[in-house]
Protein backbone atom coordinates (compact mmCIF):
# COMPACT_ATOMS: atom_id res chain seq x y z
CA UNK A 1 62.01 106.36 1.50
CA UNK A 2 59.63 106.21 -1.44
CA UNK A 3 58.25 102.84 -0.28
CA UNK A 4 57.91 104.10 3.29
CA UNK A 5 55.86 107.16 2.34
CA UNK A 6 53.63 105.23 -0.01
CA UNK A 7 52.86 102.64 2.64
CA UNK A 8 51.86 105.28 5.19
CA UNK A 9 48.65 106.10 3.34
CA UNK A 10 47.77 102.81 1.66
CA UNK A 11 45.77 100.46 3.88
CA UNK A 12 46.77 96.83 4.06
CA UNK A 13 46.35 94.24 6.78
CA UNK A 14 48.58 94.52 9.83
CA UNK A 15 49.57 91.32 11.53
CA UNK A 16 47.31 89.90 14.21
CA UNK A 17 50.40 88.92 16.16
CA UNK A 18 51.57 92.52 16.28
CA UNK A 19 48.19 93.76 17.43
CA UNK A 20 48.06 91.15 20.15
CA UNK A 21 51.56 92.08 21.29
CA UNK A 22 50.54 95.73 21.36
CA UNK A 23 47.50 95.05 23.51
CA UNK A 24 49.34 92.92 26.07
CA UNK A 25 52.32 95.25 26.30
CA UNK A 26 50.18 98.34 26.75
CA UNK A 27 48.44 96.77 29.75
CA UNK A 28 51.81 96.35 31.50
CA UNK A 29 52.36 99.57 33.46
CA UNK A 30 55.97 98.56 34.10
CA UNK A 31 56.88 98.40 30.41
CA UNK A 32 57.05 101.24 27.88
CA UNK A 33 55.88 100.17 24.42
CA UNK A 34 57.08 101.92 21.26
CA UNK A 35 55.70 101.19 17.79
CA UNK A 36 57.83 101.86 14.72
CA UNK A 37 57.78 100.84 11.07
CA UNK A 38 59.43 97.46 10.74
CA UNK A 39 62.04 97.99 8.00
CA UNK A 40 65.63 97.31 8.97
CA UNK A 41 66.71 100.95 9.15
CA UNK A 42 63.92 101.82 11.58
CA UNK A 43 64.64 98.72 13.66
CA UNK A 44 68.28 99.77 13.94
CA UNK A 45 67.33 103.34 14.87
CA UNK A 46 64.91 102.47 17.69
CA UNK A 47 67.32 99.86 19.05
CA UNK A 48 70.01 102.55 19.19
CA UNK A 49 67.70 104.96 21.03
CA UNK A 50 66.62 102.30 23.54
CA UNK A 51 70.20 101.17 24.18
CA UNK A 52 71.38 104.75 24.66
CA UNK A 53 68.50 105.58 26.98
CA UNK A 54 69.00 102.48 29.12
CA UNK A 55 72.72 103.24 29.40
CA UNK A 56 71.93 106.39 31.38
CA UNK A 57 72.30 106.12 35.17
CA UNK A 58 69.04 105.02 36.74
CA UNK A 59 67.56 103.66 33.53
CA UNK A 60 69.30 100.28 33.44
CA UNK A 61 66.34 98.30 34.76
CA UNK A 62 63.61 100.09 32.84
CA UNK A 63 61.62 97.83 30.54
CA UNK A 64 61.08 99.05 26.99
CA UNK A 65 59.60 97.02 24.16
CA UNK A 66 59.73 97.88 20.45
CA UNK A 67 56.76 96.85 18.31
CA UNK A 68 57.27 96.65 14.56
CA UNK A 69 54.35 97.71 12.37
CA UNK A 70 53.83 95.96 9.07
CA UNK A 71 51.65 98.81 7.82
CA UNK A 72 51.30 102.16 9.54
CA UNK A 73 47.73 103.11 8.63
CA UNK A 74 46.32 99.66 9.18
CA UNK A 75 48.09 99.28 12.51
CA UNK A 76 46.45 102.41 13.88
CA UNK A 77 43.04 102.10 12.33
CA UNK A 78 42.47 98.40 12.86
CA UNK A 79 43.57 98.77 16.47
CA UNK A 80 41.17 101.61 17.21
CA UNK A 81 38.25 101.38 14.85
CA UNK A 82 37.84 97.65 15.04
CA UNK A 83 38.38 97.65 18.82
CA UNK A 84 41.19 95.10 18.54
CA UNK A 85 43.20 96.62 21.33
CA UNK A 86 44.87 99.79 22.51
CA UNK A 87 47.70 101.74 20.97
CA UNK A 88 51.24 101.51 22.32
CA UNK A 89 52.53 104.24 24.62
CA UNK A 90 54.71 105.87 21.96
CA UNK A 91 54.34 105.68 18.20
CA UNK A 92 56.56 106.79 15.35
CA UNK A 93 55.18 109.84 13.54
CA UNK A 94 55.68 110.76 9.89
CA UNK A 95 55.37 114.32 8.68
CA UNK A 96 53.11 113.62 5.71
CA UNK A 97 50.47 111.84 7.83
CA UNK A 98 50.81 113.75 11.12
CA UNK A 99 48.13 116.29 10.22
CA UNK A 100 45.56 113.60 9.61
CA UNK A 101 46.33 111.48 12.66
CA UNK A 102 46.68 114.44 15.00
CA UNK A 103 43.27 115.81 14.05
CA UNK A 104 41.08 112.87 13.04
CA UNK A 105 38.55 111.30 15.39
CA UNK A 106 40.03 107.82 15.18
CA UNK A 107 37.79 105.86 17.51
CA UNK A 108 34.48 107.67 17.27
CA UNK A 109 34.93 109.04 20.79
CA UNK A 110 36.87 112.20 19.91
CA UNK A 111 40.31 110.67 20.38
CA UNK A 112 43.06 111.45 17.88
CA UNK A 113 46.49 109.83 17.91
CA UNK A 114 48.70 112.00 20.11
CA UNK A 115 48.73 114.15 23.23
CA UNK A 116 50.43 117.58 23.13
CA UNK A 117 53.92 117.76 24.61
CA UNK A 118 54.48 121.53 24.85
CA UNK A 119 53.57 121.65 28.55
CA UNK A 120 56.20 118.98 29.31
CA UNK A 121 58.78 120.96 27.34
CA UNK A 122 57.99 124.19 29.15
CA UNK A 123 58.10 122.48 32.55
CA UNK A 124 61.52 120.96 31.82
CA UNK A 125 63.03 124.04 30.21
CA UNK A 126 63.25 122.66 26.65
CA UNK A 127 62.82 125.42 24.08
CA UNK A 128 61.42 125.00 20.60
CA UNK A 129 64.15 127.38 19.45
CA UNK A 130 66.78 124.73 20.20
CA UNK A 131 65.49 122.70 17.25
CA UNK A 132 65.39 123.33 13.51
CA UNK A 133 62.51 125.71 12.81
CA UNK A 134 61.11 123.84 9.82
CA UNK A 135 61.08 120.54 11.73
CA UNK A 136 59.32 122.11 14.73
CA UNK A 137 56.70 123.66 12.46
CA UNK A 138 55.69 120.22 11.17
CA UNK A 139 55.14 118.91 14.72
CA UNK A 140 52.47 121.58 15.31
CA UNK A 141 50.06 119.38 13.46
CA UNK A 142 46.83 120.04 15.37
CA UNK A 143 44.52 122.53 13.64
CA UNK A 144 43.91 125.57 15.84
CA UNK A 145 46.75 124.73 18.25
CA UNK A 146 50.28 126.07 18.57
CA UNK A 147 51.38 123.09 20.67
CA UNK A 148 53.91 120.55 19.52
CA UNK A 149 52.31 117.09 19.35
CA UNK A 150 55.48 115.04 18.79
CA UNK A 151 59.22 115.43 18.97
CA UNK A 152 61.13 115.63 15.69
CA UNK A 153 64.04 113.23 15.84
CA UNK A 154 65.75 114.59 12.72
CA UNK A 155 65.91 117.13 9.91
CA UNK A 156 65.49 115.53 6.49
CA UNK A 157 65.92 117.21 3.16
CA UNK A 158 66.57 115.91 -0.33
CA UNK A 159 70.18 115.78 -1.52
CA UNK A 160 71.99 114.30 -4.49
CA UNK A 161 74.08 111.25 -3.66
CA UNK A 162 76.62 110.40 -6.34
CA UNK A 163 78.96 107.53 -7.18
CA UNK A 164 82.51 108.89 -7.29
CA UNK A 165 83.86 105.94 -9.26
CA UNK A 166 81.26 106.31 -12.01
CA UNK A 167 82.06 110.02 -12.18
CA UNK A 168 85.74 109.13 -12.58
CA UNK A 169 85.00 106.65 -15.38
CA UNK A 170 83.01 109.37 -17.17
CA UNK A 171 85.96 111.77 -16.84
CA UNK A 172 84.15 114.08 -14.42
CA UNK A 173 87.08 115.26 -12.33
CA UNK A 174 85.73 118.66 -11.35
CA UNK A 175 82.97 118.07 -8.81
CA UNK A 176 80.34 120.84 -8.72
CA UNK A 177 80.22 123.19 -5.76
CA UNK A 178 77.20 123.37 -3.47
CA UNK A 179 75.79 126.28 -5.47
CA UNK A 180 75.46 124.29 -8.70
CA UNK A 181 72.47 124.88 -10.95
CA UNK A 182 70.02 122.73 -12.92
CA UNK A 183 72.02 123.58 -16.02
CA UNK A 184 75.20 122.23 -14.39
CA UNK A 185 73.26 119.12 -13.42
CA UNK A 186 72.03 118.55 -16.99
CA UNK A 187 75.57 118.92 -18.36
CA UNK A 188 76.84 116.23 -15.99
CA UNK A 189 73.93 113.96 -16.91
CA UNK A 190 74.76 114.35 -20.60
CA UNK A 191 78.43 113.56 -19.93
CA UNK A 192 77.47 110.45 -18.00
CA UNK A 193 75.13 109.33 -20.76
CA UNK A 194 77.91 109.75 -23.32
CA UNK A 195 80.05 107.30 -21.32
CA UNK A 196 77.29 104.73 -20.80
CA UNK A 197 79.25 101.90 -22.45
CA UNK A 198 82.28 102.25 -20.19
CA UNK A 199 80.06 102.60 -17.13
CA UNK A 200 78.05 99.46 -17.99
CA UNK A 201 81.29 97.56 -18.41
CA UNK A 202 82.29 98.65 -14.90
CA UNK A 203 78.90 97.88 -13.31
CA UNK A 204 78.32 94.68 -15.32
CA UNK A 205 74.75 95.84 -15.86
CA UNK A 206 72.78 96.13 -19.08
CA UNK A 207 71.09 99.38 -18.07
CA UNK A 208 72.49 102.74 -16.97
CA UNK A 209 70.83 106.04 -16.10
CA UNK A 210 72.77 109.17 -15.14
CA UNK A 211 70.31 109.80 -12.27
CA UNK A 212 67.43 108.31 -10.33
CA UNK A 213 65.48 111.38 -9.17
CA UNK A 214 63.08 109.43 -6.94
CA UNK A 215 60.27 110.81 -9.09
CA UNK A 216 57.38 109.19 -7.25
CA UNK A 217 58.28 111.00 -4.00
CA UNK A 218 56.33 114.16 -3.17
CA UNK A 219 59.51 115.74 -1.75
CA UNK A 220 60.71 115.80 -5.38
CA UNK A 221 57.69 116.52 -7.56
CA UNK A 222 55.95 119.04 -5.28
CA UNK A 223 58.81 121.53 -4.69
CA UNK A 224 59.38 121.82 -8.45
CA UNK A 225 55.85 123.15 -8.91
CA UNK A 226 56.17 125.59 -6.01
CA UNK A 227 59.53 126.80 -7.29
CA UNK A 228 57.78 128.01 -10.43
CA UNK A 229 54.88 129.46 -8.47
CA UNK A 230 52.39 126.74 -9.38
CA UNK A 231 50.08 125.68 -6.51
CA UNK A 232 49.57 121.94 -6.46
CA UNK A 233 46.51 122.49 -4.25
CA UNK A 234 44.80 125.71 -3.17
CA UNK A 235 42.64 124.78 -0.17
CA UNK A 236 40.71 128.07 -0.21
CA UNK A 237 39.68 128.05 -3.86
CA UNK A 238 39.66 124.25 -4.01
CA UNK A 239 41.68 124.23 -7.21
CA UNK A 240 44.68 122.35 -8.59
CA UNK A 241 47.46 124.20 -10.48
CA UNK A 242 45.53 127.47 -10.05
CA UNK A 243 44.90 128.88 -13.51
CA UNK A 244 48.30 127.86 -14.84
CA UNK A 245 48.13 124.41 -16.40
CA UNK A 246 50.77 125.46 -18.93
CA UNK A 247 53.10 126.38 -16.07
CA UNK A 248 52.53 122.97 -14.50
CA UNK A 249 53.38 121.32 -17.81
CA UNK A 250 56.63 123.25 -18.01
CA UNK A 251 57.62 122.59 -14.39
CA UNK A 252 56.85 118.87 -14.28
CA UNK A 253 58.12 118.57 -17.83
CA UNK A 254 61.60 119.38 -16.55
CA UNK A 255 61.47 116.13 -14.60
CA UNK A 256 59.76 113.88 -17.10
CA UNK A 257 61.88 115.13 -20.00
CA UNK A 258 64.86 113.72 -18.14
CA UNK A 259 63.26 110.29 -18.48
CA UNK A 260 62.24 110.89 -22.09
CA UNK A 261 65.83 111.87 -22.96
CA UNK A 262 67.30 108.81 -21.24
CA UNK A 263 68.95 110.89 -18.52
CA UNK A 264 66.83 109.70 -15.58
CA UNK A 265 65.36 106.41 -14.43
CA UNK A 266 61.58 106.04 -14.71
CA UNK A 267 59.69 106.18 -11.44
CA UNK A 268 59.04 102.45 -11.41
CA UNK A 269 62.69 101.46 -11.70
CA UNK A 270 64.07 99.46 -8.79
CA UNK A 271 67.03 100.95 -6.87
CA UNK A 272 69.36 101.60 -9.83
CA UNK A 273 71.72 103.66 -7.65
CA UNK A 274 72.42 100.83 -5.22
CA UNK A 275 72.89 98.51 -8.20
CA UNK A 276 75.38 100.91 -9.84
CA UNK A 277 72.79 101.43 -12.57
CA UNK A 278 72.73 105.17 -11.95
CA UNK A 279 75.48 107.61 -11.05
CA UNK A 280 73.30 109.87 -8.91
CA UNK A 281 70.16 109.63 -6.81
CA UNK A 282 67.94 112.09 -4.96
CA UNK A 283 67.77 110.78 -1.38
CA UNK A 284 67.22 111.87 2.22
CA UNK A 285 69.53 110.96 5.08
CA UNK A 286 67.43 108.10 6.57
CA UNK A 287 67.87 106.22 3.30
CA UNK A 288 71.65 106.48 3.27
CA UNK A 289 72.51 103.15 4.95
CA UNK A 290 70.35 101.38 2.36
CA UNK A 291 72.68 102.52 -0.42
CA UNK A 292 76.13 102.49 1.13
CA UNK A 293 76.67 98.75 0.82
CA UNK A 294 75.75 98.67 -2.85
CA UNK A 295 77.69 101.74 -3.90
CA UNK A 296 80.61 101.17 -1.55
CA UNK A 297 81.75 103.45 1.26
CA UNK A 298 84.68 104.75 -0.78
CA UNK A 299 82.49 105.65 -3.75
CA UNK A 300 79.71 107.80 -2.29
CA UNK A 301 79.47 111.54 -1.71
CA UNK A 302 76.80 114.25 -1.70
CA UNK A 303 75.69 117.55 -3.20
CA UNK A 304 72.67 119.76 -2.49
CA UNK A 305 69.73 119.62 -4.92
CA UNK A 306 70.70 121.88 -7.87
CA UNK A 307 68.89 125.20 -8.13
CA UNK A 308 66.68 126.17 -11.07
CA UNK A 309 68.17 129.25 -12.69
CA UNK A 310 65.18 130.30 -14.86
CA UNK A 311 62.62 131.02 -12.13
CA UNK A 312 60.39 134.10 -12.15
CA UNK A 313 61.94 136.99 -10.25
CA UNK A 314 61.53 136.60 -6.50
CA UNK A 315 60.85 132.85 -6.59
CA UNK A 316 62.83 130.32 -4.53
CA UNK A 317 64.25 127.09 -5.92
CA UNK A 318 62.82 124.89 -3.19
CA UNK A 319 64.23 121.70 -1.70
CA UNK A 320 61.77 119.16 -0.29
CA UNK A 321 62.19 118.45 3.40
CA UNK A 322 60.43 116.77 6.28
CA UNK A 323 60.93 115.19 9.69
CA UNK A 324 60.21 111.92 11.39
CA UNK A 325 59.64 111.69 15.12
CA UNK A 326 57.80 110.07 18.00
CA UNK A 327 54.76 111.02 20.04
CA UNK A 328 52.88 109.87 23.14
CA UNK A 329 49.57 108.28 22.17
CA UNK A 330 46.23 109.13 23.70
CA UNK A 331 46.10 105.52 24.94
CA UNK A 332 49.23 105.86 27.08
CA UNK A 333 48.12 105.36 30.73
CA UNK A 334 48.69 108.24 33.13
CA UNK A 335 51.03 106.00 35.10
CA UNK A 336 53.38 105.79 32.12
CA UNK A 337 53.17 109.30 30.66
CA UNK A 338 56.19 110.57 32.61
CA UNK A 339 58.31 107.62 31.48
CA UNK A 340 57.13 108.12 27.91
CA UNK A 341 58.03 111.81 28.05
CA UNK A 342 61.40 111.00 29.59
CA UNK A 343 62.18 108.79 26.58
CA UNK A 344 61.11 111.49 24.12
CA UNK A 345 63.21 114.00 26.03
CA UNK A 346 66.22 111.72 25.54
CA UNK A 347 65.61 111.60 21.78
CA UNK A 348 65.94 115.39 21.52
CA UNK A 349 68.92 115.58 23.87
CA UNK A 350 72.43 115.95 22.46
CA UNK A 351 73.28 112.48 23.74
CA UNK A 352 70.26 110.94 22.03
CA UNK A 353 70.90 112.81 18.80
CA UNK A 354 74.54 111.67 18.76
CA UNK A 355 73.54 108.05 19.38
CA UNK A 356 71.12 108.34 16.48
CA UNK A 357 73.79 109.96 14.29
CA UNK A 358 76.04 106.93 14.66
CA UNK A 359 73.48 104.83 12.75
CA UNK A 360 74.14 106.94 9.65
CA UNK A 361 70.44 107.74 9.26
CA UNK A 362 70.43 111.04 11.14
CA UNK A 363 70.76 114.71 10.45
CA UNK A 364 70.10 116.13 13.93
CA UNK A 365 67.10 118.33 14.66
CA UNK A 366 69.13 120.22 17.27
CA UNK A 367 70.62 123.46 15.94
CA UNK A 368 73.60 123.06 18.28
CA UNK A 369 74.70 119.96 16.39
CA UNK A 370 73.99 120.95 12.79
CA UNK A 371 77.13 122.97 12.16
CA UNK A 372 79.20 121.92 15.15
CA UNK A 373 82.82 121.07 14.46
CA UNK A 374 83.28 117.28 14.55
CA UNK A 375 79.52 116.70 14.92
CA UNK A 376 78.82 112.99 15.20
CA UNK A 377 76.74 112.81 12.01
CA UNK A 378 79.67 114.12 9.97
CA UNK A 379 81.78 111.12 11.00
CA UNK A 380 79.57 108.57 9.26
CA UNK A 381 81.67 106.83 6.59
CA UNK A 382 84.17 109.71 6.57
CA UNK A 383 84.41 113.28 7.82
CA UNK A 384 85.92 114.16 4.42
CA UNK A 385 82.53 113.72 2.70
CA UNK A 386 80.27 116.66 1.94
CA UNK A 387 77.87 116.09 4.84
CA UNK A 388 77.13 119.81 4.68
CA UNK A 389 74.91 119.10 1.65
CA UNK A 390 72.29 117.78 4.08
CA UNK A 391 72.03 121.09 5.94
CA UNK A 392 72.82 123.62 3.21
CA UNK A 393 70.35 126.30 2.14
CA UNK A 394 67.75 126.13 4.93
CA UNK A 395 66.06 129.11 3.27
CA UNK A 396 65.12 126.75 0.42
CA UNK A 397 63.36 124.25 2.70
CA UNK A 398 59.81 123.36 1.69
CA UNK A 399 57.86 120.86 3.76
CA UNK A 400 56.94 118.10 1.33
CA UNK A 401 53.38 117.93 2.69
CA UNK A 402 52.66 121.64 2.73
CA UNK A 403 50.22 121.30 -0.16
CA UNK A 404 47.84 119.67 2.33
CA UNK A 405 47.72 122.78 4.54
CA UNK A 406 44.25 124.11 5.14
CA UNK A 407 42.45 120.87 4.32
CA UNK A 408 40.37 119.08 6.92
CA UNK A 409 41.83 115.73 8.11
CA UNK A 410 39.79 113.46 5.88
CA UNK A 411 40.50 115.61 2.85
CA UNK A 412 44.22 115.62 3.64
CA UNK A 413 44.43 111.89 3.28
CA UNK A 414 42.03 111.52 0.35
CA UNK A 415 43.56 114.38 -1.63
CA UNK A 416 47.04 113.01 -1.02
CA UNK A 417 45.98 109.60 -2.32
CA UNK A 418 44.50 111.09 -5.49
CA UNK A 419 47.58 113.24 -6.12
CA UNK A 420 50.12 110.58 -5.34
CA UNK A 421 48.46 107.74 -7.19
CA UNK A 422 47.92 109.83 -10.32
CA UNK A 423 51.25 111.64 -10.32
CA UNK A 424 52.90 108.28 -9.79
CA UNK A 425 51.06 106.04 -12.22
CA UNK A 426 49.74 108.37 -14.92
CA UNK A 427 52.73 110.64 -15.40
CA UNK A 428 56.12 109.87 -13.92
CA UNK A 429 55.92 106.21 -14.90
CA UNK A 430 55.66 107.22 -18.55
CA UNK A 431 58.46 107.76 -21.05
CA UNK A 432 56.67 110.57 -22.87
CA UNK A 433 54.61 113.60 -21.88
CA UNK A 434 50.85 113.09 -22.19
CA UNK A 435 49.36 116.55 -22.76
CA UNK A 436 45.90 115.37 -21.68
CA UNK A 437 47.26 114.22 -18.31
CA UNK A 438 47.32 117.69 -16.77
CA UNK A 439 43.65 118.37 -17.40
CA UNK A 440 42.60 114.90 -16.30
CA UNK A 441 44.78 115.22 -13.19
CA UNK A 442 43.35 118.66 -12.42
CA UNK A 443 39.79 117.36 -12.74
CA UNK A 444 40.47 114.40 -10.44
CA UNK A 445 42.09 116.51 -7.72
CA UNK A 446 39.45 119.25 -7.87
CA UNK A 447 36.68 116.67 -7.72
CA UNK A 448 38.16 115.36 -4.47
CA UNK A 449 38.71 118.88 -3.12
CA UNK A 450 35.06 119.69 -3.72
CA UNK A 451 33.66 116.34 -2.55
């Protein structure tokens, strides 16, 4: 997940072969083209959707082609701005970038990335209320419009995945309940650290961390600030941290002190959880298949993100969340718009959501499936696991890109890059707290806000 989100906003060259394929496929009015990020999880997901859709009566002969993007930003911008071709009919959409791509004039002719889909939904009797509210809200990514511009395929929030065997080795026999606190979490981390030698003997690794908190992911570092009432960005006043730099130090210090104390992996560490080099990891559901093989199906289970217990009165201990989905591009020919919509409609049907759930990467966006008895997503690996952790505490949901609200499209992307690059490289990669960082960070962000 961390690599996926970073790559969305960092330009690199997309393959010429992919662009050529996109151009040729889009000119074929008999074939629906769908562009998705090319990692293995996303390949498996789109293949599952296509297979499920084509299995429906009347769809067997429909031609659908998946296009795999090497880099999201470059794929879109090189295709449009450099006039290398036309976009595919459908493209994968990521929450953190949807505001920019839904609003920006991408080709100099007033065209953004997606067409609105609300009129199709109304015509076909599909209600927004059938889907998770927080996921739907993210799809309304066009400034000044209440239309949905893409369908959310899922509901993603951070959870704690843990290795049951490592817990057993450390003597942790009493697993916390879903309402555990940050204090409970720290106690478990300390217990795990105290048993590092036995755990390293089991893992046959030289390094062990109680937890990998995925520190370079905005769904982790942003909600901590908001939980303590610290604004990462205030679009109206064009400030960072508001007037509370000390509060920001305390909030982000809770995360970095975990690294300083040897309880958490630094942000630049490479997949310690999958390597049995950490007992816990903060993940979202789409990442789950990436870790199951390393940890072992019998050794993994889940808990919600622990709640901070020392918040100011009235504050919420937020959990970062988001949604991925698909939208119809502005380059989709009129002759294919109905077929494109029909495919999106399948994605948000119960059948489509259940097909997706079988990949292991899905928490459904449909409310009817979230808490349904024997829901398909709860059967992944085992129905005895705490799959409820992925849907618990919806009142604590905080969209991981909400700090970009109110910024114009260009500022959204540029501010995100400044925040992410500096939070990532100048703070969470360190093993000690640099007091000067907060003022330098504030100056950098505010300079971009006021550019």
